[in-house]
Amino acid sequence: MAKGYLIARVKVTDPEQYAKYRSVSGDAIGAFDGKFIVRAGRSEVVEGEPDGLRLVVAEFPSYEAALECYHSDVYQAAKKLRDGAGEAQFTIIEGYDP
């Protein structure tokens, strides 16, 4: 079964408020057997124009698990802490399973 990924691109405008979200979002991801594999570490744009966005990737056992996590009450409660702390684009994508 192909894994599922949550990919977030975030422009943080209120770092203190965003830190509150960051402190609880991992528990919500973990509740659905997800784990962060990228969480805004070092990066370098090697092609195209840099946009300055924070990049986050979380891996889940399946596409369905990633969707279930995002729409869950536990994640939506965490998301409320992110509201007003910046602008974000979240994408759920199915991994490639040859």
PDB file of N, CA and C in Angstrom:
ATOM      1  N   MET A   1       0.844  -1.174   0.000  1.00  0.00           N
ATOM      2  CA  MET A   1       0.000   0.000   0.000  1.00  0.00           C
ATOM      3  C   MET A   1       0.891   1.239   0.000  1.00  0.00           C
ATOM      4  N   ALA A   2       0.548   2.200  -0.827  1.00  0.00           N
ATOM      5  CA  ALA A   2       1.319   3.442  -0.905  1.00  0.00           C
ATOM      6  C   ALA A   2       1.114   4.280   0.352  1.00  0.00           C
ATOM      7  N   LYS A   3       2.176   4.928   0.779  1.00  0.00           N
ATOM      8  CA  LYS A   3       2.085   5.829   1.923  1.00  0.00           C
ATOM      9  C   LYS A   3       1.398   7.122   1.503  1.00  0.00           C
ATOM     10  N   GLY A   4       0.982   7.878   2.497  1.00  0.00           N
ATOM     11  CA  GLY A   4       0.391   9.189   2.247  1.00  0.00           C
ATOM     12  C   GLY A   4       1.273  10.257   2.855  1.00  0.00           C
ATOM     13  N   TYR A   5       1.260  11.428   2.252  1.00  0.00           N
ATOM     14  CA  TYR A   5       2.092  12.530   2.725  1.00  0.00           C
ATOM     15  C   TYR A   5       1.264  13.796   2.853  1.00  0.00           C
ATOM     16  N   LEU A   6       1.512  14.513   3.925  1.00  0.00           N
ATOM     17  CA  LEU A   6       0.961  15.838   4.101  1.00  0.00           C
ATOM     18  C   LEU A   6       2.124  16.793   3.844  1.00  0.00           C
ATOM     19  N   ILE A   7       1.957  17.669   2.879  1.00  0.00           N
ATOM     20  CA  ILE A   7       2.998  18.641   2.539  1.00  0.00           C
ATOM     21  C   ILE A   7       2.447  20.025   2.834  1.00  0.00           C
ATOM     22  N   ALA A   8       3.160  20.761   3.654  1.00  0.00           N
ATOM     23  CA  ALA A   8       2.723  22.106   4.024  1.00  0.00           C
ATOM     24  C   ALA A   8       3.773  23.117   3.599  1.00  0.00           C
ATOM     25  N   ARG A   9       3.291  24.215   3.057  1.00  0.00           N
ATOM     26  CA  ARG A   9       4.129  25.375   2.726  1.00  0.00           C
ATOM     27  C   ARG A   9       3.553  26.521   3.542  1.00  0.00           C
ATOM     28  N   VAL A  10       4.356  27.100   4.421  1.00  0.00           N
ATOM     29  CA  VAL A  10       3.836  28.051   5.401  1.00  0.00           C
ATOM     30  C   VAL A  10       4.670  29.330   5.423  1.00  0.00           C
ATOM     31  N   LYS A  11       3.980  30.447   5.437  1.00  0.00           N
ATOM     32  CA  LYS A  11       4.601  31.747   5.673  1.00  0.00           C
ATOM     33  C   LYS A  11       4.208  32.150   7.092  1.00  0.00           C
ATOM     34  N   VAL A  12       5.149  32.103   8.002  1.00  0.00           N
ATOM     35  CA  VAL A  12       4.884  32.415   9.408  1.00  0.00           C
ATOM     36  C   VAL A  12       4.965  33.932   9.594  1.00  0.00           C
ATOM     37  N   THR A  13       3.886  34.513  10.130  1.00  0.00           N
ATOM     38  CA  THR A  13       3.864  35.950  10.399  1.00  0.00           C
ATOM     39  C   THR A  13       3.854  36.266  11.891  1.00  0.00           C
ATOM     40  N   ASP A  14       3.520  35.274  12.708  1.00  0.00           N
ATOM     41  CA  ASP A  14       3.521  35.441  14.167  1.00  0.00           C
ATOM     42  C   ASP A  14       4.244  34.238  14.772  1.00  0.00           C
ATOM     43  N   PRO A  15       5.567  34.327  14.893  1.00  0.00           N
ATOM     44  CA  PRO A  15       6.349  33.181  15.365  1.00  0.00           C
ATOM     45  C   PRO A  15       5.941  32.669  16.747  1.00  0.00           C
ATOM     46  N   GLU A  16       5.558  33.548  17.653  1.00  0.00           N
ATOM     47  CA  GLU A  16       5.154  33.091  18.989  1.00  0.00           C
ATOM     48  C   GLU A  16       3.887  32.253  18.927  1.00  0.00           C
ATOM     49  N   GLN A  17       2.901  32.701  18.159  1.00  0.00           N
ATOM     50  CA  GLN A  17       1.652  31.939  18.028  1.00  0.00           C
ATOM     51  C   GLN A  17       1.904  30.637  17.275  1.00  0.00           C
ATOM     52  N   TYR A  18       2.739  30.688  16.235  1.00  0.00           N
ATOM     53  CA  TYR A  18       3.046  29.486  15.460  1.00  0.00           C
ATOM     54  C   TYR A  18       3.761  28.446  16.326  1.00  0.00           C
ATOM     55  N   ALA A  19       4.586  28.894  17.255  1.00  0.00           N
ATOM     56  CA  ALA A  19       5.296  27.975  18.158  1.00  0.00           C
ATOM     57  C   ALA A  19       4.314  27.186  19.014  1.00  0.00           C
ATOM     58  N   LYS A  20       3.195  27.801  19.382  1.00  0.00           N
ATOM     59  CA  LYS A  20       2.169  27.087  20.153  1.00  0.00           C
ATOM     60  C   LYS A  20       1.584  25.959  19.319  1.00  0.00           C
ATOM     61  N   TYR A  21       1.300  26.230  18.047  1.00  0.00           N
ATOM     62  CA  TYR A  21       0.795  25.202  17.128  1.00  0.00           C
ATOM     63  C   TYR A  21       1.839  24.095  16.962  1.00  0.00           C
ATOM     64  N   ARG A  22       3.083  24.485  16.729  1.00  0.00           N
ATOM     65  CA  ARG A  22       4.157  23.517  16.500  1.00  0.00           C
ATOM     66  C   ARG A  22       4.321  22.586  17.694  1.00  0.00           C
ATOM     67  N   SER A  23       4.071  23.097  18.900  1.00  0.00           N
ATOM     68  CA  SER A  23       4.270  22.278  20.099  1.00  0.00           C
ATOM     69  C   SER A  23       3.219  21.180  20.258  1.00  0.00           C
ATOM     70  N   VAL A  24       2.066  21.299  19.603  1.00  0.00           N
ATOM     71  CA  VAL A  24       1.018  20.276  19.731  1.00  0.00           C
ATOM     72  C   VAL A  24       0.727  19.521  18.432  1.00  0.00           C
ATOM     73  N   SER A  25       1.167  20.057  17.305  1.00  0.00           N
ATOM     74  CA  SER A  25       0.826  19.412  16.028  1.00  0.00           C
ATOM     75  C   SER A  25       1.452  18.027  15.888  1.00  0.00           C
ATOM     76  N   GLY A  26       2.629  17.821  16.462  1.00  0.00           N
ATOM     77  CA  GLY A  26       3.267  16.508  16.383  1.00  0.00           C
ATOM     78  C   GLY A  26       2.451  15.415  17.049  1.00  0.00           C
ATOM     79  N   ASP A  27       1.793  15.749  18.156  1.00  0.00           N
ATOM     80  CA  ASP A  27       0.932  14.762  18.825  1.00  0.00           C
ATOM     81  C   ASP A  27      -0.247  14.377  17.937  1.00  0.00           C
ATOM     82  N   ALA A  28      -0.802  15.367  17.246  1.00  0.00           N
ATOM     83  CA  ALA A  28      -1.926  15.091  16.344  1.00  0.00           C
ATOM     84  C   ALA A  28      -1.472  14.216  15.176  1.00  0.00           C
ATOM     85  N   ILE A  29      -0.313  14.511  14.623  1.00  0.00           N
ATOM     86  CA  ILE A  29       0.231  13.706  13.518  1.00  0.00           C
ATOM     87  C   ILE A  29       0.501  12.285  14.009  1.00  0.00           C
ATOM     88  N   GLY A  30       1.108  12.156  15.172  1.00  0.00           N
ATOM     89  CA  GLY A  30       1.437  10.849  15.738  1.00  0.00           C
ATOM     90  C   GLY A  30       0.219  10.007  16.062  1.00  0.00           C
ATOM     91  N   ALA A  31      -0.901  10.650  16.387  1.00  0.00           N
ATOM     92  CA  ALA A  31      -2.133   9.920  16.707  1.00  0.00           C
ATOM     93  C   ALA A  31      -2.641   9.105  15.517  1.00  0.00           C
ATOM     94  N   PHE A  32      -2.151   9.423  14.314  1.00  0.00           N
ATOM     95  CA  PHE A  32      -2.558   8.711  13.103  1.00  0.00           C
ATOM     96  C   PHE A  32      -1.375   7.974  12.482  1.00  0.00           C
ATOM     97  N   ASP A  33      -0.412   7.606  13.335  1.00  0.00           N
ATOM     98  CA  ASP A  33       0.798   6.892  12.921  1.00  0.00           C
ATOM     99  C   ASP A  33       1.608   7.670  11.894  1.00  0.00           C
ATOM    100  N   GLY A  34       1.489   8.997  11.959  1.00  0.00           N
ATOM    101  CA  GLY A  34       2.284   9.844  11.084  1.00  0.00           C
ATOM    102  C   GLY A  34       3.563  10.268  11.770  1.00  0.00           C
ATOM    103  N   LYS A  35       4.521  10.690  10.960  1.00  0.00           N
ATOM    104  CA  LYS A  35       5.775  11.208  11.506  1.00  0.00           C
ATOM    105  C   LYS A  35       6.287  12.290  10.569  1.00  0.00           C
ATOM    106  N   PHE A  36       6.913  13.291  11.171  1.00  0.00           N
ATOM    107  CA  PHE A  36       7.528  14.330  10.360  1.00  0.00           C
ATOM    108  C   PHE A  36       8.795  13.785   9.737  1.00  0.00           C
ATOM    109  N   ILE A  37       8.952  14.009   8.439  1.00  0.00           N
ATOM    110  CA  ILE A  37      10.208  13.638   7.788  1.00  0.00           C
ATOM    111  C   ILE A  37      10.948  14.889   7.320  1.00  0.00           C
ATOM    112  N   VAL A  38      10.244  16.006   7.223  1.00  0.00           N
ATOM    113  CA  VAL A  38      10.837  17.313   6.955  1.00  0.00           C
ATOM    114  C   VAL A  38      10.086  18.297   7.821  1.00  0.00           C
ATOM    115  N   ARG A  39      10.827  19.102   8.575  1.00  0.00           N
ATOM    116  CA  ARG A  39      10.164  20.096   9.416  1.00  0.00           C
ATOM    117  C   ARG A  39      10.996  21.378   9.438  1.00  0.00           C
ATOM    118  N   ALA A  40      11.054  22.015   8.250  1.00  0.00           N
ATOM    119  CA  ALA A  40      11.692  23.321   8.099  1.00  0.00           C
ATOM    120  C   ALA A  40      13.167  23.327   8.456  1.00  0.00           C
ATOM    121  N   GLY A  41      13.877  22.290   8.073  1.00  0.00           N
ATOM    122  CA  GLY A  41      15.321  22.269   8.279  1.00  0.00           C
ATOM    123  C   GLY A  41      16.026  23.131   7.238  1.00  0.00           C
ATOM    124  N   ARG A  42      17.314  22.973   7.153  1.00  0.00           N
ATOM    125  CA  ARG A  42      18.084  23.741   6.160  1.00  0.00           C
ATOM    126  C   ARG A  42      17.600  23.392   4.765  1.00  0.00           C
ATOM    127  N   SER A  43      17.581  24.395   3.910  1.00  0.00           N
ATOM    128  CA  SER A  43      17.207  24.154   2.517  1.00  0.00           C
ATOM    129  C   SER A  43      17.867  25.193   1.627  1.00  0.00           C
ATOM    130  N   GLU A  44      17.969  24.856   0.369  1.00  0.00           N
ATOM    131  CA  GLU A  44      18.521  25.774  -0.620  1.00  0.00           C
ATOM    132  C   GLU A  44      17.745  25.591  -1.910  1.00  0.00           C
ATOM    133  N   VAL A  45      17.215  26.668  -2.432  1.00  0.00           N
ATOM    134  CA  VAL A  45      16.534  26.614  -3.721  1.00  0.00           C
ATOM    135  C   VAL A  45      17.619  26.527  -4.781  1.00  0.00           C
ATOM    136  N   VAL A  46      17.609  25.449  -5.551  1.00  0.00           N
ATOM    137  CA  VAL A  46      18.640  25.250  -6.562  1.00  0.00           C
ATOM    138  C   VAL A  46      18.130  25.511  -7.976  1.00  0.00           C
ATOM    139  N   GLU A  47      16.832  25.735  -8.102  1.00  0.00           N
ATOM    140  CA  GLU A  47      16.252  26.092  -9.398  1.00  0.00           C
ATOM    141  C   GLU A  47      14.971  26.867  -9.135  1.00  0.00           C
ATOM    142  N   GLY A  48      14.774  27.947  -9.841  1.00  0.00           N
ATOM    143  CA  GLY A  48      13.596  28.781  -9.631  1.00  0.00           C
ATOM    144  C   GLY A  48      13.850  29.830  -8.560  1.00  0.00           C
ATOM    145  N   GLU A  49      12.824  30.630  -8.300  1.00  0.00           N
ATOM    146  CA  GLU A  49      12.933  31.730  -7.345  1.00  0.00           C
ATOM    147  C   GLU A  49      12.567  31.271  -5.938  1.00  0.00           C
ATOM    148  N   PRO A  50      13.373  31.623  -4.938  1.00  0.00           N
ATOM    149  CA  PRO A  50      13.020  31.284  -3.557  1.00  0.00           C
ATOM    150  C   PRO A  50      11.772  32.043  -3.123  1.00  0.00           C
ATOM    151  N   ASP A  51      10.913  31.381  -2.341  1.00  0.00           N
ATOM    152  CA  ASP A  51       9.698  32.053  -1.877  1.00  0.00           C
ATOM    153  C   ASP A  51       9.691  32.274  -0.368  1.00  0.00           C
ATOM    154  N   GLY A  52      10.711  31.776   0.325  1.00  0.00           N
ATOM    155  CA  GLY A  52      10.835  32.009   1.758  1.00  0.00           C
ATOM    156  C   GLY A  52       9.850  31.246   2.623  1.00  0.00           C
ATOM    157  N   LEU A  53       9.149  30.276   2.062  1.00  0.00           N
ATOM    158  CA  LEU A  53       8.158  29.531   2.819  1.00  0.00           C
ATOM    159  C   LEU A  53       8.797  28.411   3.625  1.00  0.00           C
ATOM    160  N   ARG A  54       8.220  28.152   4.774  1.00  0.00           N
ATOM    161  CA  ARG A  54       8.606  27.037   5.628  1.00  0.00           C
ATOM    162  C   ARG A  54       8.014  25.773   5.005  1.00  0.00           C
ATOM    163  N   LEU A  55       8.800  24.721   4.852  1.00  0.00           N
ATOM    164  CA  LEU A  55       8.326  23.474   4.260  1.00  0.00           C
ATOM    165  C   LEU A  55       8.271  22.384   5.318  1.00  0.00           C
ATOM    166  N   VAL A  56       7.164  21.649   5.318  1.00  0.00           N
ATOM    167  CA  VAL A  56       6.961  20.560   6.265  1.00  0.00           C
ATOM    168  C   VAL A  56       6.385  19.377   5.493  1.00  0.00           C
ATOM    169  N   VAL A  57       6.904  18.183   5.759  1.00  0.00           N
ATOM    170  CA  VAL A  57       6.369  16.958   5.164  1.00  0.00           C
ATOM    171  C   VAL A  57       6.174  15.947   6.286  1.00  0.00           C
ATOM    172  N   ALA A  58       4.967  15.407   6.365  1.00  0.00           N
ATOM    173  CA  ALA A  58       4.671  14.335   7.318  1.00  0.00           C
ATOM    174  C   ALA A  58       4.274  13.097   6.534  1.00  0.00           C
ATOM    175  N   GLU A  59       4.779  11.956   6.951  1.00  0.00           N
ATOM    176  CA  GLU A  59       4.506  10.685   6.281  1.00  0.00           C
ATOM    177  C   GLU A  59       3.510   9.882   7.103  1.00  0.00           C
ATOM    178  N   PHE A  60       2.551   9.262   6.414  1.00  0.00           N
ATOM    179  CA  PHE A  60       1.529   8.433   7.045  1.00  0.00           C
ATOM    180  C   PHE A  60       1.515   7.055   6.389  1.00  0.00           C
ATOM    181  N   PRO A  61       0.956   6.062   7.065  1.00  0.00           N
ATOM    182  CA  PRO A  61       0.906   4.719   6.487  1.00  0.00           C
ATOM    183  C   PRO A  61       0.131   4.653   5.172  1.00  0.00           C
ATOM    184  N   SER A  62      -0.799   5.593   4.956  1.00  0.00           N
ATOM    185  CA  SER A  62      -1.608   5.587   3.737  1.00  0.00           C
ATOM    186  C   SER A  62      -2.136   6.990   3.456  1.00  0.00           C
ATOM    187  N   TYR A  63      -2.604   7.182   2.250  1.00  0.00           N
ATOM    188  CA  TYR A  63      -3.245   8.436   1.841  1.00  0.00           C
ATOM    189  C   TYR A  63      -4.460   8.702   2.722  1.00  0.00           C
ATOM    190  N   GLU A  64      -5.234   7.654   2.956  1.00  0.00           N
ATOM    191  CA  GLU A  64      -6.446   7.786   3.774  1.00  0.00           C
ATOM    192  C   GLU A  64      -6.119   8.219   5.200  1.00  0.00           C
ATOM    193  N   ALA A  65      -5.024   7.679   5.765  1.00  0.00           N
ATOM    194  CA  ALA A  65      -4.629   8.062   7.128  1.00  0.00           C
ATOM    195  C   ALA A  65      -4.246   9.541   7.186  1.00  0.00           C
ATOM    196  N   ALA A  66      -3.573  10.035   6.151  1.00  0.00           N
ATOM    197  CA  ALA A  66      -3.199  11.451   6.109  1.00  0.00           C
ATOM    198  C   ALA A  66      -4.443  12.336   6.063  1.00  0.00           C
ATOM    199  N   LEU A  67      -5.408  11.958   5.232  1.00  0.00           N
ATOM    200  CA  LEU A  67      -6.662  12.723   5.161  1.00  0.00           C
ATOM    201  C   LEU A  67      -7.426  12.657   6.475  1.00  0.00           C
ATOM    202  N   GLU A  68      -7.486  11.460   7.057  1.00  0.00           N
ATOM    203  CA  GLU A  68      -8.196  11.291   8.318  1.00  0.00           C
ATOM    204  C   GLU A  68      -7.570  12.156   9.408  1.00  0.00           C
ATOM    205  N   CYS A  69      -6.240  12.204   9.439  1.00  0.00           N
ATOM    206  CA  CYS A  69      -5.553  13.035  10.416  1.00  0.00           C
ATOM    207  C   CYS A  69      -5.920  14.503  10.236  1.00  0.00           C
ATOM    208  N   TYR A  70      -5.795  15.010   9.019  1.00  0.00           N
ATOM    209  CA  TYR A  70      -6.059  16.430   8.780  1.00  0.00           C
ATOM    210  C   TYR A  70      -7.478  16.820   9.196  1.00  0.00           C
ATOM    211  N   HIS A  71      -8.433  15.970   8.897  1.00  0.00           N
ATOM    212  CA  HIS A  71      -9.845  16.285   9.183  1.00  0.00           C
ATOM    213  C   HIS A  71     -10.276  15.913  10.599  1.00  0.00           C
ATOM    214  N   SER A  72      -9.382  15.313  11.379  1.00  0.00           N
ATOM    215  CA  SER A  72      -9.748  14.857  12.724  1.00  0.00           C
ATOM    216  C   SER A  72      -9.948  16.027  13.685  1.00  0.00           C
ATOM    217  N   ASP A  73     -10.705  15.756  14.731  1.00  0.00           N
ATOM    218  CA  ASP A  73     -10.920  16.764  15.773  1.00  0.00           C
ATOM    219  C   ASP A  73      -9.603  17.151  16.436  1.00  0.00           C
ATOM    220  N   VAL A  74      -8.723  16.172  16.655  1.00  0.00           N
ATOM    221  CA  VAL A  74      -7.464  16.456  17.348  1.00  0.00           C
ATOM    222  C   VAL A  74      -6.577  17.383  16.513  1.00  0.00           C
ATOM    223  N   TYR A  75      -6.493  17.157  15.195  1.00  0.00           N
ATOM    224  CA  TYR A  75      -5.684  18.056  14.372  1.00  0.00           C
ATOM    225  C   TYR A  75      -6.362  19.410  14.208  1.00  0.00           C
ATOM    226  N   GLN A  76      -7.662  19.416  14.024  1.00  0.00           N
ATOM    227  CA  GLN A  76      -8.358  20.698  13.850  1.00  0.00           C
ATOM    228  C   GLN A  76      -8.234  21.573  15.096  1.00  0.00           C
ATOM    229  N   ALA A  77      -8.168  20.955  16.271  1.00  0.00           N
ATOM    230  CA  ALA A  77      -7.935  21.722  17.503  1.00  0.00           C
ATOM    231  C   ALA A  77      -6.537  22.340  17.472  1.00  0.00           C
ATOM    232  N   ALA A  78      -5.545  21.572  17.015  1.00  0.00           N
ATOM    233  CA  ALA A  78      -4.188  22.108  16.884  1.00  0.00           C
ATOM    234  C   ALA A  78      -4.151  23.222  15.844  1.00  0.00           C
ATOM    235  N   LYS A  79      -4.858  23.022  14.742  1.00  0.00           N
ATOM    236  CA  LYS A  79      -4.881  24.009  13.660  1.00  0.00           C
ATOM    237  C   LYS A  79      -5.396  25.363  14.143  1.00  0.00           C
ATOM    238  N   LYS A  80      -6.317  25.357  15.070  1.00  0.00           N
ATOM    239  CA  LYS A  80      -6.843  26.629  15.590  1.00  0.00           C
ATOM    240  C   LYS A  80      -5.727  27.479  16.183  1.00  0.00           C
ATOM    241  N   LEU A  81      -4.688  26.848  16.714  1.00  0.00           N
ATOM    242  CA  LEU A  81      -3.545  27.583  17.241  1.00  0.00           C
ATOM    243  C   LEU A  81      -2.717  28.219  16.127  1.00  0.00           C
ATOM    244  N   ARG A  82      -2.792  27.645  14.934  1.00  0.00           N
ATOM    245  CA  ARG A  82      -2.053  28.173  13.774  1.00  0.00           C
ATOM    246  C   ARG A  82      -2.803  29.314  13.113  1.00  0.00           C
ATOM    247  N   ASP A  83      -4.126  29.323  13.242  1.00  0.00           N
ATOM    248  CA  ASP A  83      -4.929  30.375  12.614  1.00  0.00           C
ATOM    249  C   ASP A  83      -4.449  31.745  13.085  1.00  0.00           C
ATOM    250  N   GLY A  84      -4.186  32.623  12.151  1.00  0.00           N
ATOM    251  CA  GLY A  84      -3.711  33.956  12.477  1.00  0.00           C
ATOM    252  C   GLY A  84      -2.207  34.062  12.655  1.00  0.00           C
ATOM    253  N   ALA A  85      -1.500  32.937  12.600  1.00  0.00           N
ATOM    254  CA  ALA A  85      -0.054  32.954  12.787  1.00  0.00           C
ATOM    255  C   ALA A  85       0.693  32.977  11.456  1.00  0.00           C
ATOM    256  N   GLY A  86      -0.051  32.946  10.358  1.00  0.00           N
ATOM    257  CA  GLY A  86       0.573  32.969   9.044  1.00  0.00           C
ATOM    258  C   GLY A  86      -0.379  32.487   7.972  1.00  0.00           C
ATOM    259  N   GLU A  87       0.176  32.266   6.804  1.00  0.00           N
ATOM    260  CA  GLU A  87      -0.584  31.753   5.669  1.00  0.00           C
ATOM    261  C   GLU A  87      -0.024  30.386   5.315  1.00  0.00           C
ATOM    262  N   ALA A  88      -0.909  29.449   4.962  1.00  0.00           N
ATOM    263  CA  ALA A  88      -0.435  28.094   4.700  1.00  0.00           C
ATOM    264  C   ALA A  88      -1.172  27.453   3.532  1.00  0.00           C
ATOM    265  N   GLN A  89      -0.467  26.562   2.881  1.00  0.00           N
ATOM    266  CA  GLN A  89      -1.051  25.688   1.867  1.00  0.00           C
ATOM    267  C   GLN A  89      -0.712  24.266   2.292  1.00  0.00           C
ATOM    268  N   PHE A  90      -1.734  23.439   2.493  1.00  0.00           N
ATOM    269  CA  PHE A  90      -1.539  22.044   2.874  1.00  0.00           C
ATOM    270  C   PHE A  90      -2.027  21.169   1.734  1.00  0.00           C
ATOM    271  N   THR A  91      -1.234  20.173   1.372  1.00  0.00           N
ATOM    272  CA  THR A  91      -1.592  19.229   0.319  1.00  0.00           C
ATOM    273  C   THR A  91      -1.408  17.819   0.863  1.00  0.00           C
ATOM    274  N   ILE A  92      -2.392  16.964   0.622  1.00  0.00           N
ATOM    275  CA  ILE A  92      -2.265  15.539   0.933  1.00  0.00           C
ATOM    276  C   ILE A  92      -2.013  14.845  -0.409  1.00  0.00           C
ATOM    277  N   ILE A  93      -0.980  14.016  -0.439  1.00  0.00           N
ATOM    278  CA  ILE A  93      -0.633  13.351  -1.695  1.00  0.00           C
ATOM    279  C   ILE A  93      -0.305  11.885  -1.429  1.00  0.00           C
ATOM    280  N   GLU A  94      -0.677  11.053  -2.360  1.00  0.00           N
ATOM    281  CA  GLU A  94      -0.364   9.625  -2.258  1.00  0.00           C
ATOM    282  C   GLU A  94       1.043   9.388  -2.754  1.00  0.00           C
ATOM    283  N   GLY A  95       1.797   8.577  -2.017  1.00  0.00           N
ATOM    284  CA  GLY A  95       3.156   8.249  -2.409  1.00  0.00           C
ATOM    285  C   GLY A  95       3.176   7.303  -3.605  1.00  0.00           C
ATOM    286  N   TYR A  96       4.317   7.213  -4.212  1.00  0.00           N
ATOM    287  CA  TYR A  96       4.515   6.338  -5.346  1.00  0.00           C
ATOM    288  C   TYR A  96       4.861   4.944  -4.855  1.00  0.00           C
ATOM    289  N   ASP A  97       4.135   3.964  -5.323  1.00  0.00           N
ATOM    290  CA  ASP A  97       4.362   2.579  -4.930  1.00  0.00           C
ATOM    291  C   ASP A  97       4.465   1.740  -6.199  1.00  0.00           C
ATOM    292  N   PRO A  98       5.697   1.565  -6.708  1.00  0.00           N
ATOM    293  CA  PRO A  98       5.867   0.846  -7.998  1.00  0.00           C
ATOM    294  C   PRO A  98       5.418  -0.595  -7.957  1.00  0.00           C
TER     295      PRO A  98
END
